[in-house]
C-alpha atoms as a PDB file:
ATOM      1  CA  MET A   1      29.421   4.166  25.854  1.00  0.00           C
ATOM      2  CA  LYS A   2      30.182   5.179  22.264  1.00  0.00           C
ATOM      3  CA  ASP A   3      27.511   6.508  19.947  1.00  0.00           C
ATOM      4  CA  ILE A   4      27.111   4.275  16.888  1.00  0.00           C
ATOM      5  CA  SER A   5      28.005   7.225  14.638  1.00  0.00           C
ATOM      6  CA  GLN A   6      31.510   7.208  16.190  1.00  0.00           C
ATOM      7  CA  ILE A   7      32.159   3.650  15.048  1.00  0.00           C
ATOM      8  CA  ASP A   8      34.013   3.387  11.755  1.00  0.00           C
ATOM      9  CA  ILE A   9      31.816   1.543   9.248  1.00  0.00           C
ATOM     10  CA  THR A  10      33.063   1.496   5.663  1.00  0.00           C
ATOM     11  CA  SER A  11      30.928   1.800   2.531  1.00  0.00           C
ATOM     12  CA  GLY A  12      32.174  -1.665   1.563  1.00  0.00           C
ATOM     13  CA  GLU A  13      30.776  -3.131   4.774  1.00  0.00           C
ATOM     14  CA  ILE A  14      27.434  -1.462   4.131  1.00  0.00           C
ATOM     15  CA  ILE A  15      27.305  -2.804   0.571  1.00  0.00           C
ATOM     16  CA  ASN A  16      28.298  -6.303   1.638  1.00  0.00           C
ATOM     17  CA  TYR A  17      25.644  -6.273   4.331  1.00  0.00           C
ATOM     18  CA  LEU A  18      22.986  -5.187   1.816  1.00  0.00           C
ATOM     19  CA  LYS A  19      24.090  -8.051  -0.400  1.00  0.00           C
ATOM     20  CA  SER A  20      23.884 -10.554   2.421  1.00  0.00           C
ATOM     21  CA  GLU A  21      20.385  -9.325   3.301  1.00  0.00           C
ATOM     22  CA  MET A  22      19.297  -9.585  -0.355  1.00  0.00           C
ATOM     23  CA  THR A  23      18.333  -5.891  -0.356  1.00  0.00           C
ATOM     24  CA  LEU A  24      21.033  -4.415  -2.605  1.00  0.00           C
ATOM     25  CA  ARG A  25      18.880  -4.825  -5.711  1.00  0.00           C
ATOM     26  CA  GLN A  26      16.045  -2.879  -4.054  1.00  0.00           C
ATOM     27  CA  ILE A  27      18.400  -0.016  -3.199  1.00  0.00           C
ATOM     28  CA  CYS A  28      19.797   0.067  -6.742  1.00  0.00           C
ATOM     29  CA  GLN A  29      16.282   0.037  -8.125  1.00  0.00           C
ATOM     30  CA  LYS A  30      15.328   3.062  -6.026  1.00  0.00           C
ATOM     31  CA  ILE A  31      18.409   4.908  -7.271  1.00  0.00           C
ATOM     32  CA  LEU A  32      17.335   4.167 -10.832  1.00  0.00           C
ATOM     33  CA  TYR A  33      13.854   5.438  -9.992  1.00  0.00           C
ATOM     34  CA  GLN A  34      15.409   8.732  -8.919  1.00  0.00           C
ATOM     35  CA  ARG A  35      17.468   8.981 -12.098  1.00  0.00           C
ATOM     36  CA  ILE A  36      14.359   8.497 -14.189  1.00  0.00           C
ATOM     37  CA  ILE A  37      12.404  11.066 -12.150  1.00  0.00           C
ATOM     38  CA  ASP A  38      15.237  13.603 -12.470  1.00  0.00           C
ATOM     39  CA  ASN A  39      15.414  13.103 -16.241  1.00  0.00           C
ATOM     40  CA  VAL A  40      11.652  13.502 -16.722  1.00  0.00           C
ATOM     41  CA  ALA A  41      11.619  16.572 -14.481  1.00  0.00           C
ATOM     42  CA  LYS A  42      14.423  18.153 -16.496  1.00  0.00           C
ATOM     43  CA  GLU A  43      12.698  17.389 -19.807  1.00  0.00           C
ATOM     44  CA  ASN A  44       9.445  18.933 -18.571  1.00  0.00           C
ATOM     45  CA  GLY A  45      10.890  21.890 -16.666  1.00  0.00           C
ATOM     46  CA  ILE A  46       9.597  20.603 -13.338  1.00  0.00           C
ATOM     47  CA  ILE A  47      11.349  22.082 -10.299  1.00  0.00           C
ATOM     48  CA  VAL A  48      10.958  22.165  -6.538  1.00  0.00           C
ATOM     49  CA  THR A  49      11.307  25.593  -4.963  1.00  0.00           C
ATOM     50  CA  THR A  50      13.102  26.479  -1.753  1.00  0.00           C
ATOM     51  CA  GLU A  51       9.795  27.599  -0.278  1.00  0.00           C
ATOM     52  CA  GLU A  52       8.205  24.204  -0.993  1.00  0.00           C
ATOM     53  CA  ILE A  53      11.124  22.436   0.696  1.00  0.00           C
ATOM     54  CA  GLU A  54      10.811  24.705   3.752  1.00  0.00           C
ATOM     55  CA  ILE A  55       7.068  24.033   4.037  1.00  0.00           C
ATOM     56  CA  GLU A  56       7.613  20.271   3.936  1.00  0.00           C
ATOM     57  CA  ALA A  57      10.529  20.507   6.373  1.00  0.00           C
ATOM     58  CA  ASP A  58       8.317  22.420   8.816  1.00  0.00           C
ATOM     59  CA  ARG A  59       5.632  19.749   8.434  1.00  0.00           C
ATOM     60  CA  GLN A  60       8.134  17.002   9.234  1.00  0.00           C
ATOM     61  CA  ARG A  61       9.425  18.935  12.237  1.00  0.00           C
ATOM     62  CA  ARG A  62       5.902  19.241  13.611  1.00  0.00           C
ATOM     63  CA  GLU A  63       5.334  15.551  12.986  1.00  0.00           C
ATOM     64  CA  GLN A  64       8.491  14.725  14.959  1.00  0.00           C
ATOM     65  CA  HIS A  65       7.669  17.303  17.667  1.00  0.00           C
ATOM     66  CA  LEU A  66      10.924  19.174  16.965  1.00  0.00           C
ATOM     67  CA  GLU A  67      10.273  22.632  18.395  1.00  0.00           C
ATOM     68  CA  LYS A  68      13.827  23.982  18.469  1.00  0.00           C
ATOM     69  CA  ALA A  69      16.553  24.088  15.833  1.00  0.00           C
ATOM     70  CA  VAL A  70      18.857  22.121  18.115  1.00  0.00           C
ATOM     71  CA  ASP A  71      16.204  19.391  18.383  1.00  0.00           C
ATOM     72  CA  THR A  72      16.124  19.125  14.590  1.00  0.00           C
ATOM     73  CA  LEU A  73      19.925  18.930  14.360  1.00  0.00           C
ATOM     74  CA  THR A  74      20.015  16.227  17.029  1.00  0.00           C
ATOM     75  CA  TRP A  75      17.326  14.230  15.226  1.00  0.00           C
ATOM     76  CA  LEU A  76      19.197  14.484  11.920  1.00  0.00           C
ATOM     77  CA  ALA A  77      22.463  13.442  13.564  1.00  0.00           C
ATOM     78  CA  GLU A  78      20.714  10.370  14.938  1.00  0.00           C
ATOM     79  CA  GLN A  79      19.824   9.467  11.334  1.00  0.00           C
ATOM     80  CA  PHE A  80      23.476  10.016  10.265  1.00  0.00           C
ATOM     81  CA  ILE A  81      22.540  12.887   7.938  1.00  0.00           C
ATOM     82  CA  ASN A  82      23.041  16.654   7.878  1.00  0.00           C
ATOM     83  CA  PRO A  83      20.534  19.394   6.966  1.00  0.00           C
ATOM     84  CA  TYR A  84      21.695  19.368   3.325  1.00  0.00           C
ATOM     85  CA  ASP A  85      21.051  15.606   3.045  1.00  0.00           C
ATOM     86  CA  TRP A  86      17.616  16.146   4.567  1.00  0.00           C
ATOM     87  CA  GLU A  87      16.765  18.878   2.074  1.00  0.00           C
ATOM     88  CA  ILE A  88      17.851  16.641  -0.817  1.00  0.00           C
ATOM     89  CA  GLY A  89      15.561  13.907   0.457  1.00  0.00           C
ATOM     90  CA  ILE A  90      12.643  16.330   0.738  1.00  0.00           C
ATOM     91  CA  ARG A  91      13.384  17.685  -2.723  1.00  0.00           C
ATOM     92  CA  ASN A  92      13.398  14.180  -4.207  1.00  0.00           C
ATOM     93  CA  GLN A  93      10.111  13.337  -2.502  1.00  0.00           C
ATOM     94  CA  LEU A  94       8.391  16.506  -3.728  1.00  0.00           C
ATOM     95  CA  LEU A  95       9.859  16.154  -7.205  1.00  0.00           C
ATOM     96  CA  ALA A  96       8.496  12.599  -7.484  1.00  0.00           C
ATOM     97  CA  GLN A  97       5.035  13.872  -6.499  1.00  0.00           C
ATOM     98  CA  LYS A  98       5.182  16.618  -9.144  1.00  0.00           C
ATOM     99  CA  VAL A  99       6.372  14.232 -11.864  1.00  0.00           C
ATOM    100  CA  ALA A 100       3.613  11.754 -10.963  1.00  0.00           C
ATOM    101  CA  GLN A 101       1.021  14.525 -11.146  1.00  0.00           C
ATOM    102  CA  THR A 102       2.372  15.774 -14.483  1.00  0.00           C
ATOM    103  CA  LEU A 103       2.404  12.325 -16.067  1.00  0.00           C
ATOM    104  CA  PHE A 104      -0.764  10.795 -14.639  1.00  0.00           C
ATOM    105  CA  GLY A 105      -2.792  13.463 -12.834  1.00  0.00           C
ATOM    106  CA  LYS A 106      -5.261  13.781 -15.686  1.00  0.00           C
ATOM    107  CA  GLU A 107      -5.554   9.998 -16.060  1.00  0.00           C
ATOM    108  CA  VAL A 108      -6.723   9.268 -12.504  1.00  0.00           C
ATOM    109  CA  LYS A 109     -10.363  10.282 -12.956  1.00  0.00           C
ATOM    110  CA  LYS A 110     -10.592   8.380 -16.250  1.00  0.00           C
ATOM    111  CA  PHE A 111      -9.104   5.263 -14.634  1.00  0.00           C
ATOM    112  CA  PHE A 112     -11.475   5.557 -11.689  1.00  0.00           C
ATOM    113  CA  ASN A 113     -14.542   5.906 -13.919  1.00  0.00           C
ATOM    114  CA  GLN A 114     -13.489   2.927 -16.048  1.00  0.00           C
ATOM    115  CA  ASN A 115     -12.929   0.780 -12.946  1.00  0.00           C
ATOM    116  CA  ARG A 116     -15.478   2.311 -10.581  1.00  0.00           C
ATOM    117  CA  HIS A 117     -17.061  -1.038  -9.655  1.00  0.00           C
ATOM    118  CA  GLU A 118     -13.675  -2.296  -8.402  1.00  0.00           C
ATOM    119  CA  PHE A 119     -13.648   0.498  -5.823  1.00  0.00           C
ATOM    120  CA  GLU A 120     -17.057  -0.361  -4.429  1.00  0.00           C
ATOM    121  CA  GLN A 121     -16.910  -1.610  -0.841  1.00  0.00           C
ATOM    122  CA  VAL A 122     -19.028  -3.529   1.599  1.00  0.00           C
ATOM    123  CA  ILE A 123     -18.998  -3.830   5.341  1.00  0.00           C
ATOM    124  CA  LEU A 124     -18.872  -7.596   5.497  1.00  0.00           C
ATOM    125  CA  TYR A 125     -19.362 -10.369   8.015  1.00  0.00           C
ATOM    126  CA  GLN A 126     -18.089 -13.804   7.047  1.00  0.00           C
ATOM    127  CA  MET A 127     -17.394 -17.222   8.459  1.00  0.00           C
ATOM    128  CA  ILE A 128     -15.529 -20.058   6.770  1.00  0.00           C
ATOM    129  CA  VAL A 129     -15.777 -23.704   7.764  1.00  0.00           C
ATOM    130  CA  THR A 130     -13.991 -26.724   6.296  1.00  0.00           C
ATOM    131  CA  SER A 131     -17.017 -29.008   5.852  1.00  0.00           C
ATOM    132  CA  GLU A 132     -19.829 -28.498   3.344  1.00  0.00           C
ATOM    133  CA  LYS A 133     -22.154 -30.492   5.595  1.00  0.00           C
ATOM    134  CA  LEU A 134     -21.382 -28.252   8.580  1.00  0.00           C
ATOM    135  CA  ALA A 135     -21.851 -25.139   6.430  1.00  0.00           C
ATOM    136  CA  GLN A 136     -25.308 -26.378   5.357  1.00  0.00           C
ATOM    137  CA  GLU A 137     -26.275 -27.203   8.942  1.00  0.00           C
ATOM    138  CA  ILE A 138     -25.225 -23.737  10.129  1.00  0.00           C
ATOM    139  CA  TYR A 139     -27.110 -22.134   7.252  1.00  0.00           C
ATOM    140  CA  TYR A 140     -30.373 -23.882   8.193  1.00  0.00           C
ATOM    141  CA  GLN A 141     -29.897 -23.151  11.906  1.00  0.00           C
ATOM    142  CA  ILE A 142     -29.478 -19.454  11.139  1.00  0.00           C
ATOM    143  CA  GLU A 143     -32.475 -19.437   8.784  1.00  0.00           C
ATOM    144  CA  GLU A 144     -34.614 -21.189  11.412  1.00  0.00           C
ATOM    145  CA  GLY A 145     -33.529 -18.731  14.093  1.00  0.00           C
ATOM    146  CA  GLU A 146     -31.844 -21.418  16.203  1.00  0.00           C
ATOM    147  CA  ILE A 147     -28.603 -19.417  16.278  1.00  0.00           C
ATOM    148  CA  SER A 148     -27.502 -16.011  15.070  1.00  0.00           C
ATOM    149  CA  PHE A 149     -24.910 -15.634  12.331  1.00  0.00           C
ATOM    150  CA  TYR A 150     -22.619 -13.817  14.757  1.00  0.00           C
ATOM    151  CA  ASP A 151     -22.801 -16.496  17.439  1.00  0.00           C
ATOM    152  CA  ALA A 152     -22.198 -19.212  14.833  1.00  0.00           C
ATOM    153  CA  ALA A 153     -19.178 -17.350  13.481  1.00  0.00           C
ATOM    154  CA  HIS A 154     -17.825 -17.012  17.020  1.00  0.00           C
ATOM    155  CA  ILE A 155     -18.083 -20.793  17.448  1.00  0.00           C
ATOM    156  CA  TYR A 156     -17.264 -22.287  14.059  1.00  0.00           C
ATOM    157  CA  ASP A 157     -15.112 -19.907  11.977  1.00  0.00           C
ATOM    158  CA  ILE A 158     -11.706 -21.390  11.130  1.00  0.00           C
ATOM    159  CA  ASP A 159      -9.976 -17.991  11.468  1.00  0.00           C
ATOM    160  CA  ASP A 160      -9.123 -17.122  15.077  1.00  0.00           C
ATOM    161  CA  ASN A 161      -9.085 -13.363  14.585  1.00  0.00           C
ATOM    162  CA  ARG A 162     -12.387 -13.279  12.704  1.00  0.00           C
ATOM    163  CA  ARG A 163     -13.954 -15.724  15.156  1.00  0.00           C
ATOM    164  CA  TYR A 164     -13.176 -13.392  18.072  1.00  0.00           C
ATOM    165  CA  LYS A 165     -14.925 -10.607  16.128  1.00  0.00           C
ATOM    166  CA  CYS A 166     -17.974 -12.786  15.396  1.00  0.00           C
ATOM    167  CA  GLY A 167     -17.230 -12.877  11.672  1.00  0.00           C
ATOM    168  CA  TYR A 168     -16.505  -9.175  11.197  1.00  0.00           C
ATOM    169  CA  GLU A 169     -14.259  -8.613   8.143  1.00  0.00           C
ATOM    170  CA  GLY A 170     -14.593  -4.836   7.971  1.00  0.00           C
ATOM    171  CA  ARG A 171     -14.678  -2.661   4.852  1.00  0.00           C
ATOM    172  CA  ILE A 172     -13.745  -4.803   1.859  1.00  0.00           C
ATOM    173  CA  TYR A 173     -13.170  -3.732  -1.747  1.00  0.00           C
ATOM    174  CA  ARG A 174     -14.857  -5.688  -4.521  1.00  0.00           C
ATOM    175  CA  TRP A 175     -11.446  -6.510  -6.047  1.00  0.00           C
ATOM    176  CA  ALA A 176     -10.350  -8.101  -2.763  1.00  0.00           C
ATOM    177  CA  ILE A 177     -13.134 -10.703  -2.883  1.00  0.00           C
ATOM    178  CA  GLN A 178     -12.910 -13.847  -5.002  1.00  0.00           C
ATOM    179  CA  ALA A 179     -14.813 -13.130  -8.236  1.00  0.00           C
ATOM    180  CA  ASN A 180     -17.628 -15.674  -7.947  1.00  0.00           C
ATOM    181  CA  ILE A 181     -18.200 -14.749  -4.295  1.00  0.00           C
ATOM    182  CA  GLY A 182     -17.980 -11.033  -5.016  1.00  0.00           C
ATOM    183  CA  GLU A 183     -20.718 -11.229  -7.631  1.00  0.00           C
ATOM    184  CA  LEU A 184     -23.162 -12.638  -5.088  1.00  0.00           C
ATOM    185  CA  VAL A 185     -22.027 -10.339  -2.295  1.00  0.00           C
ATOM    186  CA  PHE A 186     -22.604  -7.223  -4.392  1.00  0.00           C
ATOM    187  CA  SER A 187     -25.934  -8.405  -5.803  1.00  0.00           C
ATOM    188  CA  THR A 188     -27.538  -9.547  -2.529  1.00  0.00           C
ATOM    189  CA  PRO A 189     -29.452  -7.070  -0.317  1.00  0.00           C
ATOM    190  CA  PRO A 190     -27.915  -6.203   3.076  1.00  0.00           C
ATOM    191  CA  LYS A 191     -28.667  -8.394   6.105  1.00  0.00           C
ATOM    192  CA  GLN A 192     -29.453 -11.430   3.924  1.00  0.00           C
ATOM    193  CA  LEU A 193     -27.553 -14.684   4.502  1.00  0.00           C
ATOM    194  CA  ILE A 194     -25.347 -15.728   1.582  1.00  0.00           C
ATOM    195  CA  GLY A 195     -23.907 -19.185   0.999  1.00  0.00           C
ATOM    196  CA  PRO A 196     -22.562 -21.698   1.465  1.00  0.00           C
ATOM    197  CA  LEU A 197     -20.013 -20.817  -1.247  1.00  0.00           C
ATOM    198  CA  LYS A 198     -16.943 -22.934  -1.886  1.00  0.00           C
ATOM    199  CA  SER A 199     -13.379 -21.676  -2.257  1.00  0.00           C
ATOM    200  CA  GLU A 200      -9.889 -23.035  -1.623  1.00  0.00           C
ATOM    201  CA  GLN A 201     -10.236 -21.848   1.971  1.00  0.00           C
ATOM    202  CA  GLY A 202     -13.413 -23.801   2.650  1.00  0.00           C
ATOM    203  CA  TYR A 203     -17.144 -23.049   2.671  1.00  0.00           C
ATOM    204  CA  HIS A 204     -18.252 -19.453   3.162  1.00  0.00           C
ATOM    205  CA  LEU A 205     -21.330 -17.995   4.805  1.00  0.00           C
ATOM    206  CA  LEU A 206     -21.625 -14.221   4.530  1.00  0.00           C
ATOM    207  CA  ILE A 207     -23.779 -11.248   5.444  1.00  0.00           C
ATOM    208  CA  VAL A 208     -23.446  -7.750   4.002  1.00  0.00           C
ATOM    209  CA  GLU A 209     -23.915  -5.095   6.664  1.00  0.00           C
ATOM    210  CA  GLU A 210     -23.754  -2.129   4.303  1.00  0.00           C
ATOM    211  CA  PHE A 211     -22.818  -1.162   0.743  1.00  0.00           C
ATOM    212  CA  ILE A 212     -20.376   1.736   0.322  1.00  0.00           C
ATOM    213  CA  ILE A 213     -20.605   3.596  -2.976  1.00  0.00           C
ATOM    214  CA  ALA A 214     -17.307   4.228  -4.770  1.00  0.00           C
ATOM    215  CA  GLU A 215     -16.205   7.861  -4.606  1.00  0.00           C
ATOM    216  CA  LEU A 216     -13.072   9.528  -5.917  1.00  0.00           C
ATOM    217  CA  THR A 217     -11.916  11.009  -2.626  1.00  0.00           C
ATOM    218  CA  SER A 218      -8.604  12.855  -2.309  1.00  0.00           C
ATOM    219  CA  GLN A 219      -7.112   9.807  -0.579  1.00  0.00           C
ATOM    220  CA  ARG A 220      -8.281   7.443  -3.324  1.00  0.00           C
ATOM    221  CA  HIS A 221      -7.035   9.882  -5.977  1.00  0.00           C
ATOM    222  CA  GLU A 222      -3.594   9.773  -4.373  1.00  0.00           C
ATOM    223  CA  GLU A 223      -3.631   5.969  -4.117  1.00  0.00           C
ATOM    224  CA  ILE A 224      -4.509   5.554  -7.802  1.00  0.00           C
ATOM    225  CA  LEU A 225      -1.945   8.171  -8.829  1.00  0.00           C
ATOM    226  CA  ASN A 226       0.806   6.507  -6.799  1.00  0.00           C
ATOM    227  CA  ASN A 227      -0.036   3.065  -8.196  1.00  0.00           C
ATOM    228  CA  MET A 228       0.045   4.332 -11.782  1.00  0.00           C
ATOM    229  CA  PHE A 229       3.322   6.136 -11.143  1.00  0.00           C
ATOM    230  CA  GLN A 230       4.936   3.107  -9.497  1.00  0.00           C
ATOM    231  CA  GLN A 231       3.915   0.807 -12.336  1.00  0.00           C
ATOM    232  CA  TRP A 232       5.375   3.281 -14.810  1.00  0.00           C
ATOM    233  CA  LEU A 233       8.646   3.512 -12.856  1.00  0.00           C
ATOM    234  CA  ASN A 234       8.915  -0.279 -12.748  1.00  0.00           C
ATOM    235  CA  SER A 235       8.400  -0.538 -16.499  1.00  0.00           C
ATOM    236  CA  GLU A 236      10.983   2.200 -17.151  1.00  0.00           C
ATOM    237  CA  VAL A 237      13.583   0.444 -14.987  1.00  0.00           C
ATOM    238  CA  GLN A 238      12.851  -2.866 -16.684  1.00  0.00           C
ATOM    239  CA  TYR A 239      13.303  -1.206 -20.076  1.00  0.00           C
ATOM    240  CA  LEU A 240      16.688   0.170 -18.979  1.00  0.00           C
ATOM    241  CA  LEU A 241      17.860  -3.202 -17.720  1.00  0.00           C
ATOM    242  CA  ASN A 242      16.723  -4.971 -20.881  1.00  0.00           C
ATOM    243  CA  SER A 243      18.181  -2.428 -23.327  1.00  0.00           C
ATOM    244  CA  ASP A 244      21.222  -3.558 -25.286  1.00  0.00           C
ATOM    245  CA  GLY A 245      24.322  -1.553 -24.558  1.00  0.00           C
ATOM    246  CA  ILE A 246      22.964  -0.008 -21.380  1.00  0.00           C
ATOM    247  CA  GLU A 247      25.425  -0.161 -18.504  1.00  0.00           C
ATOM    248  CA  ILE A 248      24.128   0.497 -15.028  1.00  0.00           C
ATOM    249  CA  ASP A 249      27.293   1.235 -13.087  1.00  0.00           C
ATOM    250  CA  ILE A 250      25.524   1.146  -9.786  1.00  0.00           C
ATOM    251  CA  LEU A 251      24.754  -2.517 -10.282  1.00  0.00           C
ATOM    252  CA  GLN A 252      28.457  -3.275 -10.673  1.00  0.00           C
ATOM    253  CA  ILE A 253      29.293  -2.672  -7.032  1.00  0.00           C
ATOM    254  CA  HIS A 254      32.103  -4.707  -5.521  1.00  0.00           C
END
């Protein structure tokens, strides 16, 4: 049986397939991202060293459990790339991280402090029912001790997954909760029944298990940095596409 790499597939076939899958624009956009990153790196003297590429390559090898050089070469061949292609990919990845840090690294803490309340979280239990009357009945039954919130959620919640977990939603950011509901959730003491509250989904009954204070962890720092960088890249690409006289040859693929 032939390996797929031995089958002749032309660049035209690849491009036509990307077109048919409506993904060609995404690929072109990523190429433009890289052009922008390269230009900014050049303007700011940002480089990626050979040592940095080797460190990241070793990390990827460990992640893929590639102990021997031949294992690495086999893995790369399966991806239809050679070691040089791999190094270019690593270089591009590291360069993007350095450019993001140069442009927005100092802005992350300021952004976090200005929007700290949006990063607050709760461990939340919730049930949603379609009828206001039913929501009121459940509320009074819970308040009177006739049924626990968790048992009621297991019986009445309209969401199958949440119902199986007795209303458990998990750790939820403030920004992920509808504004009027979020205000009550974050101003009500833990373990206290909230609701019924109406939304497009139905009528909500909620209990906060625990409040989680917003902290600028390394993971959150990276998330904010990446979001700022991606928004900037999108705006730069949009500017290029909207500029008079700008020709993006890569978009003129036939």
